[in-house]
Amino acid sequence: MVKSVKKFYEGSAKREWGRLIEDPYHKMEFDTTLHFLKKYLPRKGLILDAGGGPGRYTIELAKQGYDVILLDIAPSNLEIAKKQIKNKILQNKVKEIVEGSITDLSKFPDNSFDAVICLGGPLSHVLDKKKIDKAILELTRVAKKGAPIFVSVMSRLSLLASALRLFPDEIDQPRFKKYRDTGDYIGNYGFTACHFFLPEELKKSFEKKDLKFLEMVGLEGIGSNFRKETNELSKNKKRWKVWLDTHYRTCTHPVVVGISEHILIIVRKELN
């Protein structure tokens, strides 16, 4: 599975770099994530961007004055990140760019980072339950005591809802029933291997004694899977302003979290 995930992102690095700013709908994921990073991040410090792809969040946080280390499994992602970081003259803030997996952060000592982020779905590409637990343990281990940890994954309920619009002809196929019942998608049909989480499943995965649950967020919110409508609405500034206010008022509602394309969980490493 690791090889297939790496191969997929090796071939889609440019697309991944542009994905979060592709249109107003995709920017909902990016902007909402930044909103909650601002809410919980310390004012300064060293951040690990684990599974950070071509570095969209790394660059944004570096621009805000944070020191960042970027880690990703795909070398082509890291090459784009290096070029973008150089173009924006942020080399002094991006301390290191590392090829690696979120399931093995042994390069970093315990309690190294003031915050850890794992955004856009890297944990969703870990299908084995034991490896999911290992990744969470690793993300927790390298965080300092009291540090916030942010992880976003892909949602199972949103995927099932999108089937009605995007691939209704697959609903009677065995693969649909498999990811409906288990959350596991084996890949090879336009996307790579992926585990789609239920919100309660995600929360349970982080129920460890040394982690305090803070919040869960539906990043695309109540507009999830309404890409065309969202992009059209954004053209009207007055209505868009009201819609964004509505989004931020509702994006932590449990129902909205469940139906959103991406789910963000925020926890804090306990002090004791």
Protein backbone atom coordinates (compact mmCIF):
# COMPACT_ATOMS: atom_id res chain seq x y z
CA MET A 1 0.00 0.00 0.00
CA VAL A 2 2.84 2.43 0.83
CA LYS A 3 4.35 1.98 -2.64
CA SER A 4 1.03 2.62 -4.39
CA VAL A 5 0.37 5.75 -2.32
CA LYS A 6 3.87 7.05 -3.00
CA LYS A 7 3.52 6.34 -6.72
CA PHE A 8 0.18 8.15 -6.88
CA TYR A 9 1.50 11.32 -5.25
CA GLU A 10 4.72 11.17 -7.26
CA GLY A 11 2.51 11.52 -10.32
CA SER A 12 0.19 14.20 -8.95
CA ALA A 13 2.48 16.61 -7.10
CA LYS A 14 1.63 19.62 -9.28
CA ARG A 15 -2.08 18.94 -8.89
CA GLU A 16 -1.67 18.58 -5.13
CA TRP A 17 0.19 21.90 -4.92
CA GLY A 18 -2.73 23.68 -6.58
CA ARG A 19 -5.58 21.69 -5.03
CA LEU A 20 -6.19 23.79 -1.91
CA ILE A 21 -6.46 27.05 -3.85
CA GLU A 22 -8.06 25.63 -6.99
CA ASP A 23 -11.38 27.40 -6.40
CA PRO A 24 -13.48 28.81 -3.52
CA TYR A 25 -14.83 25.34 -2.73
CA HIS A 26 -11.37 23.83 -2.22
CA LYS A 27 -10.22 26.91 -0.33
CA MET A 28 -12.87 26.12 2.28
CA GLU A 29 -10.69 23.22 3.42
CA PHE A 30 -7.55 25.39 3.45
CA ASP A 31 -9.04 28.50 5.05
CA THR A 32 -11.03 26.58 7.67
CA THR A 33 -7.93 24.64 8.65
CA LEU A 34 -5.97 27.89 8.99
CA HIS A 35 -8.81 29.33 11.10
CA PHE A 36 -8.47 26.52 13.64
CA LEU A 37 -4.68 26.50 13.50
CA LYS A 38 -4.80 30.15 14.51
CA LYS A 39 -7.18 29.29 17.35
CA TYR A 40 -4.96 26.62 18.93
CA LEU A 41 -1.35 27.13 17.80
CA PRO A 42 1.11 28.73 20.20
CA ARG A 43 2.25 32.21 19.19
CA LYS A 44 5.64 30.90 18.10
CA GLY A 45 7.65 27.71 17.97
CA LEU A 46 8.75 24.78 15.84
CA ILE A 47 6.04 22.90 13.92
CA LEU A 48 6.22 19.51 12.23
CA ASP A 49 4.21 19.36 9.02
CA ALA A 50 3.90 15.57 8.73
CA GLY A 51 2.69 14.30 5.37
CA GLY A 52 2.69 17.92 4.23
CA GLY A 53 2.86 17.20 0.51
CA PRO A 54 4.30 20.07 -1.55
CA GLY A 55 4.23 22.36 1.46
CA ARG A 56 1.18 24.57 1.19
CA TYR A 57 0.73 24.70 5.00
CA THR A 58 4.47 24.77 5.64
CA ILE A 59 4.81 27.92 3.56
CA GLU A 60 1.78 29.60 5.12
CA LEU A 61 3.02 28.93 8.66
CA ALA A 62 6.55 30.02 7.78
CA LYS A 63 5.11 33.29 6.44
CA GLN A 64 3.40 33.71 9.81
CA GLY A 65 6.77 33.47 11.56
CA TYR A 66 6.82 29.82 12.69
CA ASP A 67 9.80 27.54 12.24
CA VAL A 68 8.69 24.46 10.30
CA ILE A 69 10.00 21.04 9.35
CA LEU A 70 8.26 19.45 6.35
CA LEU A 71 8.04 15.67 5.97
CA ASP A 72 6.43 13.80 3.10
CA ILE A 73 6.60 10.39 1.46
CA ALA A 74 6.84 11.63 -2.16
CA PRO A 75 10.12 13.20 -3.39
CA SER A 76 8.31 15.09 -6.18
CA ASN A 77 6.17 16.83 -3.55
CA LEU A 78 9.31 17.85 -1.69
CA GLU A 79 10.94 19.17 -4.87
CA ILE A 80 7.99 21.48 -5.47
CA ALA A 81 8.14 22.56 -1.81
CA LYS A 82 11.85 23.42 -2.11
CA LYS A 83 11.23 25.60 -5.17
CA GLN A 84 8.25 27.37 -3.61
CA ILE A 85 10.10 27.97 -0.34
CA LYS A 86 13.06 29.41 -2.23
CA ASN A 87 10.81 31.61 -4.39
CA LYS A 88 9.19 33.06 -1.28
CA ILE A 89 12.56 33.44 0.49
CA LEU A 90 11.51 31.33 3.48
CA GLN A 91 14.57 29.09 3.75
CA ASN A 92 15.43 30.55 7.16
CA LYS A 93 12.03 29.51 8.55
CA VAL A 94 11.75 26.06 6.95
CA LYS A 95 14.43 24.31 8.95
CA GLU A 96 14.38 20.96 7.19
CA ILE A 97 12.67 19.09 4.34
CA VAL A 98 12.58 15.35 4.96
CA GLU A 99 11.43 12.33 2.97
CA GLY A 100 9.59 9.96 5.28
CA SER A 101 6.35 8.42 6.49
CA ILE A 102 4.06 9.46 9.32
CA THR A 103 4.27 5.89 10.64
CA ASP A 104 7.98 6.29 11.37
CA LEU A 105 9.18 9.59 12.81
CA SER A 106 12.21 8.03 14.49
CA LYS A 107 14.39 10.76 12.99
CA PHE A 108 12.91 13.11 15.58
CA PRO A 109 13.42 12.77 19.35
CA ASP A 110 10.56 12.71 21.85
CA ASN A 111 9.01 16.09 22.72
CA SER A 112 10.60 17.94 19.79
CA PHE A 113 7.80 20.14 18.44
CA ASP A 114 5.63 22.94 19.77
CA ALA A 115 2.85 21.71 17.46
CA VAL A 116 2.31 18.88 15.00
CA ILE A 117 0.11 19.05 11.91
CA CYS A 118 -0.89 16.18 9.61
CA LEU A 119 -3.30 17.73 7.13
CA GLY A 120 -5.12 16.86 3.93
CA GLY A 121 -5.48 13.16 4.63
CA PRO A 122 -2.09 11.44 5.15
CA LEU A 123 -3.57 9.31 7.94
CA SER A 124 -6.29 8.20 5.52
CA HIS A 125 -3.60 6.56 3.40
CA VAL A 126 -2.67 4.25 6.27
CA LEU A 127 -5.09 1.33 5.96
CA ASP A 128 -3.83 -1.12 8.57
CA LYS A 129 -5.35 -0.44 12.01
CA LYS A 130 -2.09 -1.17 13.82
CA LYS A 131 -0.23 1.23 11.55
CA ILE A 132 -2.88 3.91 12.10
CA ASP A 133 -2.29 3.53 15.83
CA LYS A 134 1.48 3.65 15.22
CA ALA A 135 1.17 6.87 13.24
CA ILE A 136 -0.89 8.50 15.98
CA LEU A 137 1.61 7.37 18.59
CA GLU A 138 4.45 8.82 16.53
CA LEU A 139 2.69 12.15 15.99
CA THR A 140 2.06 12.29 19.73
CA ARG A 141 5.56 11.19 20.75
CA VAL A 142 7.35 13.96 18.87
CA ALA A 143 5.01 16.68 20.21
CA LYS A 144 6.04 18.54 23.33
CA LYS A 145 3.88 18.28 26.41
CA GLY A 146 1.06 20.75 26.06
CA ALA A 147 1.45 20.93 22.27
CA PRO A 148 -1.60 20.84 19.97
CA ILE A 149 -1.84 18.14 17.30
CA PHE A 150 -4.00 18.64 14.20
CA VAL A 151 -4.95 15.73 11.93
CA SER A 152 -7.39 15.82 9.03
CA VAL A 153 -8.73 12.75 7.23
CA MET A 154 -11.18 11.88 4.47
CA SER A 155 -14.77 11.19 5.46
CA ARG A 156 -16.66 7.98 4.72
CA LEU A 157 -20.15 9.52 4.83
CA SER A 158 -19.15 12.25 2.40
CA LEU A 159 -17.73 9.66 0.02
CA LEU A 160 -20.95 7.64 0.13
CA ALA A 161 -23.02 10.75 -0.53
CA SER A 162 -20.83 11.72 -3.49
CA ALA A 163 -21.49 8.33 -5.10
CA LEU A 164 -25.01 9.46 -6.02
CA ARG A 165 -23.61 12.27 -8.13
CA LEU A 166 -20.20 11.05 -9.29
CA PHE A 167 -20.38 7.28 -9.73
CA PRO A 168 -23.94 5.92 -9.28
CA ASP A 169 -23.10 3.02 -11.61
CA GLU A 170 -20.70 1.67 -8.98
CA ILE A 171 -23.21 1.46 -6.13
CA ASP A 172 -24.02 -2.19 -6.85
CA GLN A 173 -20.34 -3.13 -7.13
CA PRO A 174 -18.44 -5.06 -4.40
CA ARG A 175 -15.91 -2.25 -3.97
CA PHE A 176 -18.69 0.21 -3.03
CA LYS A 177 -20.00 -2.17 -0.38
CA LYS A 178 -16.46 -2.66 0.94
CA TYR A 179 -15.72 1.01 1.57
CA ARG A 180 -19.30 1.53 2.76
CA ASP A 181 -18.88 -1.16 5.42
CA THR A 182 -15.15 -0.92 6.26
CA GLY A 183 -14.03 2.48 5.00
CA ASP A 184 -11.24 0.82 2.99
CA TYR A 185 -10.76 1.69 -0.67
CA ILE A 186 -8.10 -0.38 -2.44
CA GLY A 187 -7.37 2.17 -5.15
CA ASN A 188 -6.95 1.72 -8.91
CA TYR A 189 -10.16 3.60 -9.79
CA GLY A 190 -8.91 7.16 -10.15
CA PHE A 191 -7.48 7.41 -6.64
CA THR A 192 -4.95 5.61 -4.49
CA ALA A 193 -5.51 3.30 -1.50
CA CYS A 194 -7.35 5.12 1.25
CA HIS A 195 -9.25 4.61 4.48
CA PHE A 196 -12.30 6.83 4.86
CA PHE A 197 -13.13 7.57 8.50
CA LEU A 198 -16.37 7.89 10.38
CA PRO A 199 -16.12 10.77 12.89
CA GLU A 200 -16.65 8.51 15.91
CA GLU A 201 -13.98 6.14 14.59
CA LEU A 202 -11.50 9.00 14.22
CA LYS A 203 -12.20 10.29 17.71
CA LYS A 204 -11.83 6.82 19.22
CA SER A 205 -8.43 6.44 17.52
CA PHE A 206 -7.19 9.44 19.51
CA GLU A 207 -8.63 8.37 22.86
CA LYS A 208 -5.33 7.88 24.65
CA LYS A 209 -4.45 8.83 28.20
CA ASP A 210 -1.85 11.40 27.18
CA LEU A 211 -4.13 13.24 24.72
CA LYS A 212 -6.90 15.70 25.51
CA PHE A 213 -9.62 16.03 22.88
CA LEU A 214 -10.29 19.65 21.91
CA GLU A 215 -12.47 19.80 18.82
CA MET A 216 -13.61 18.19 15.57
CA VAL A 217 -14.33 20.23 12.45
CA GLY A 218 -16.01 19.57 9.11
CA LEU A 219 -13.65 21.47 6.85
CA GLU A 220 -15.94 21.87 3.83
CA GLY A 221 -18.90 22.17 6.18
CA ILE A 222 -22.55 22.13 5.17
CA GLY A 223 -21.51 22.94 1.59
CA SER A 224 -19.64 19.67 1.26
CA ASN A 225 -20.05 18.10 -2.20
CA PHE A 226 -21.74 21.28 -3.49
CA ARG A 227 -18.70 22.46 -5.43
CA LYS A 228 -20.53 24.10 -8.35
CA GLU A 229 -22.99 25.88 -6.08
CA THR A 230 -20.27 27.06 -3.69
CA ASN A 231 -18.15 28.49 -6.49
CA GLU A 232 -21.15 30.26 -7.99
CA LEU A 233 -22.19 31.77 -4.65
CA SER A 234 -18.66 33.10 -4.06
CA LYS A 235 -19.15 35.55 -6.94
CA ASN A 236 -21.67 37.50 -4.85
CA LYS A 237 -19.61 39.16 -2.10
CA LYS A 238 -22.56 39.99 0.15
CA ARG A 239 -24.01 36.49 0.06
CA TRP A 240 -20.58 34.90 0.31
CA LYS A 241 -19.83 36.82 3.49
CA VAL A 242 -23.05 35.53 5.08
CA TRP A 243 -22.32 32.01 3.86
CA LEU A 244 -18.82 32.01 5.38
CA ASP A 245 -20.24 33.23 8.68
CA THR A 246 -22.79 30.40 8.51
CA HIS A 247 -20.02 27.93 7.73
CA TYR A 248 -17.92 28.88 10.75
CA ARG A 249 -20.99 28.86 13.00
CA THR A 250 -21.87 25.28 11.97
CA CYS A 251 -18.66 23.48 10.97
CA THR A 252 -18.16 21.92 14.43
CA HIS A 253 -21.70 20.55 14.64
CA PRO A 254 -21.49 16.73 14.83
CA VAL A 255 -23.76 16.24 11.83
CA VAL A 256 -21.75 18.67 9.71
CA VAL A 257 -18.48 17.03 10.78
CA GLY A 258 -19.80 13.68 9.56
CA ILE A 259 -20.91 14.82 6.11
CA SER A 260 -17.87 16.98 5.33
CA GLU A 261 -15.30 15.73 2.81
CA HIS A 262 -12.46 16.27 5.27
CA ILE A 263 -12.65 15.95 9.05
CA LEU A 264 -10.15 17.76 11.27
CA ILE A 265 -9.50 16.51 14.79
CA ILE A 266 -7.60 18.68 17.26
CA VAL A 267 -6.06 17.24 20.41
CA ARG A 268 -3.49 18.38 22.94
CA LYS A 269 -0.68 16.36 24.46
CA GLU A 270 -1.20 16.33 28.22
CA LEU A 271 1.34 17.94 30.51
CA ASN A 272 1.64 14.99 32.90
